[in-house]
Amino acid sequence: MKSRKNYFITFCGIAFVIGGICLISSVKTPNEWMLVLPYLCIGVGCGIFGHGMGNFIAEKTAKQNPEFQKQMEILHKDERNRMISNCAKAKGYDLMTYAFGALLLIFSIMRVALIPLLLLVFVYLLVQGYALYYRMKYDKEM
């Protein structure tokens, strides 16, 4: 079942890349949107392809080597590894908070157009609200 899903994801990635290449070669006089769309398709396609192939290779390796599969399950369930992963995410979130704030300030000083600036502010506030929600939720639970 998982193998079919990985094949499908990999195929979708290849389709996106091919679609992006076809768009680059077929559009002769692109407008603003058509300048971005082909390269966006190629980027998303490469990401999807890499994800699908990575899962496919990991599944094949696990089937061929049961000892490796056991070791990977132990690593995924290990509390120490989970704690390390959560600490790394927390540090990344802390850096992102200051980086986004500085970027918003720089963009506002540069007088960037209102729409991109508002999109950045919306995403920044969404992430901060999400973190605040879970902080309150976990404070009640623990």
Protein backbone atom coordinates (compact mmCIF):
# COMPACT_ATOMS: atom_id res chain seq x y z
CA MET A 1 0.00 0.00 0.00
CA LYS A 2 2.72 2.45 0.96
CA SER A 3 4.67 1.50 -2.15
CA ARG A 4 1.81 2.59 -4.40
CA LYS A 5 1.54 5.87 -2.53
CA ASN A 6 5.28 6.48 -2.96
CA TYR A 7 5.04 5.68 -6.68
CA PHE A 8 2.14 8.12 -7.03
CA ILE A 9 3.95 10.90 -5.14
CA THR A 10 7.09 10.37 -7.23
CA PHE A 11 5.06 10.40 -10.45
CA CYS A 12 3.33 13.63 -9.41
CA GLY A 13 6.72 15.23 -8.78
CA ILE A 14 7.95 14.22 -12.23
CA ALA A 15 4.71 15.51 -13.77
CA PHE A 16 5.17 18.90 -12.06
CA VAL A 17 8.76 19.18 -13.30
CA ILE A 18 7.81 18.23 -16.86
CA GLY A 19 4.82 20.60 -16.74
CA GLY A 20 7.07 23.44 -15.60
CA ILE A 21 9.59 22.76 -18.36
CA CYS A 22 6.80 22.65 -20.95
CA LEU A 23 5.42 25.95 -19.65
CA ILE A 24 8.86 27.57 -19.94
CA SER A 25 9.26 26.47 -23.54
CA SER A 26 5.67 27.08 -24.70
CA VAL A 27 4.93 30.58 -23.39
CA LYS A 28 6.43 33.16 -25.72
CA THR A 29 5.31 36.44 -24.14
CA PRO A 30 4.76 35.77 -20.45
CA ASN A 31 3.03 38.20 -18.13
CA GLU A 32 3.92 38.56 -14.44
CA TRP A 33 2.17 35.39 -13.32
CA MET A 34 3.51 33.24 -16.13
CA LEU A 35 7.07 34.29 -15.31
CA VAL A 36 6.76 32.67 -11.88
CA LEU A 37 4.47 29.68 -12.46
CA PRO A 38 6.85 27.40 -14.45
CA TYR A 39 9.66 27.78 -11.95
CA LEU A 40 7.26 27.28 -9.07
CA CYS A 41 6.08 24.05 -10.72
CA ILE A 42 9.66 22.87 -11.15
CA GLY A 43 10.56 23.66 -7.53
CA VAL A 44 7.47 22.00 -6.09
CA GLY A 45 7.94 19.04 -8.42
CA CYS A 46 11.54 18.54 -7.31
CA GLY A 47 10.47 18.64 -3.67
CA ILE A 48 7.63 16.17 -4.19
CA PHE A 49 9.86 13.88 -6.25
CA GLY A 50 12.56 13.90 -3.57
CA HIS A 51 10.01 13.13 -0.86
CA GLY A 52 8.49 10.23 -2.79
CA MET A 53 11.84 8.73 -3.78
CA GLY A 54 13.19 9.08 -0.25
CA ASN A 55 10.21 7.22 1.18
CA PHE A 56 10.43 4.58 -1.56
CA ILE A 57 14.15 3.96 -0.94
CA ALA A 58 13.65 3.84 2.83
CA GLU A 59 10.82 1.33 2.41
CA LYS A 60 12.92 -0.86 0.07
CA THR A 61 15.87 -0.76 2.45
CA ALA A 62 13.66 -1.69 5.41
CA LYS A 63 12.17 -4.65 3.52
CA GLN A 64 15.59 -5.99 2.52
CA ASN A 65 17.15 -5.56 5.96
CA PRO A 66 14.83 -6.34 8.92
CA GLU A 67 17.57 -5.52 11.43
CA PHE A 68 17.87 -2.03 9.95
CA GLN A 69 14.09 -1.65 10.18
CA LYS A 70 14.14 -2.56 13.88
CA GLN A 71 16.95 -0.09 14.51
CA MET A 72 15.04 2.69 12.75
CA GLU A 73 11.88 1.98 14.77
CA ILE A 74 13.90 2.15 17.99
CA LEU A 75 15.43 5.47 16.91
CA HIS A 76 12.02 6.96 16.06
CA LYS A 77 10.48 5.88 19.37
CA ASP A 78 13.46 6.81 21.56
CA GLU A 79 12.54 9.56 24.04
CA ARG A 80 16.02 11.08 23.95
CA ASN A 81 15.84 11.55 20.18
CA ARG A 82 12.39 13.09 20.48
CA MET A 83 13.64 15.50 23.15
CA ILE A 84 16.60 16.49 20.96
CA SER A 85 14.27 17.04 18.00
CA ASN A 86 11.87 19.16 20.07
CA CYS A 87 14.74 21.27 21.45
CA ALA A 88 16.06 21.86 17.93
CA LYS A 89 12.58 22.90 16.77
CA ALA A 90 12.26 25.28 19.71
CA LYS A 91 15.60 26.91 18.89
CA GLY A 92 14.57 27.21 15.24
CA TYR A 93 11.27 28.79 16.26
CA ASP A 94 13.07 31.30 18.50
CA LEU A 95 15.37 32.30 15.65
CA MET A 96 12.45 32.50 13.22
CA THR A 97 10.56 34.84 15.55
CA TYR A 98 13.39 37.38 15.62
CA ALA A 99 14.25 36.92 11.94
CA PHE A 100 10.63 37.48 10.82
CA GLY A 101 10.35 40.52 13.09
CA ALA A 102 13.55 42.02 11.66
CA LEU A 103 12.43 41.25 8.11
CA LEU A 104 9.08 42.94 8.68
CA LEU A 105 10.82 46.00 10.08
CA ILE A 106 13.27 46.13 7.16
CA PHE A 107 10.48 45.74 4.61
CA SER A 108 8.43 48.49 6.21
CA ILE A 109 11.46 50.83 6.22
CA MET A 110 12.10 49.99 2.56
CA ARG A 111 8.48 50.87 1.79
CA VAL A 112 7.71 47.54 0.18
CA ALA A 113 4.26 47.27 -1.39
CA LEU A 114 1.41 46.82 1.06
CA ILE A 115 0.19 43.39 -0.10
CA PRO A 116 3.46 41.47 0.46
CA LEU A 117 4.00 43.26 3.75
CA LEU A 118 0.51 42.37 4.97
CA LEU A 119 1.02 38.75 3.89
CA LEU A 120 4.21 38.57 5.93
CA VAL A 121 2.49 40.18 8.93
CA PHE A 122 -0.39 37.71 8.63
CA VAL A 123 1.94 34.69 8.53
CA TYR A 124 4.00 36.08 11.42
CA LEU A 125 0.91 36.60 13.56
CA LEU A 126 -0.47 33.20 12.55
CA VAL A 127 2.69 31.45 13.74
CA GLN A 128 2.76 33.48 16.97
CA GLY A 129 -0.93 32.76 17.61
CA TYR A 130 -0.39 29.05 16.95
CA ALA A 131 2.49 28.98 19.43
CA LEU A 132 0.45 30.89 22.02
CA TYR A 133 -2.50 28.53 21.63
CA TYR A 134 -0.36 25.44 22.22
CA ARG A 135 1.51 27.13 25.06
CA MET A 136 -1.81 27.74 26.86
CA LYS A 137 -3.05 24.24 26.02
CA TYR A 138 0.07 22.56 27.39
CA ASP A 139 0.09 24.78 30.48
CA LYS A 140 -3.41 23.50 31.32
CA GLU A 141 -2.44 19.86 30.70
CA MET A 142 0.85 19.80 32.59
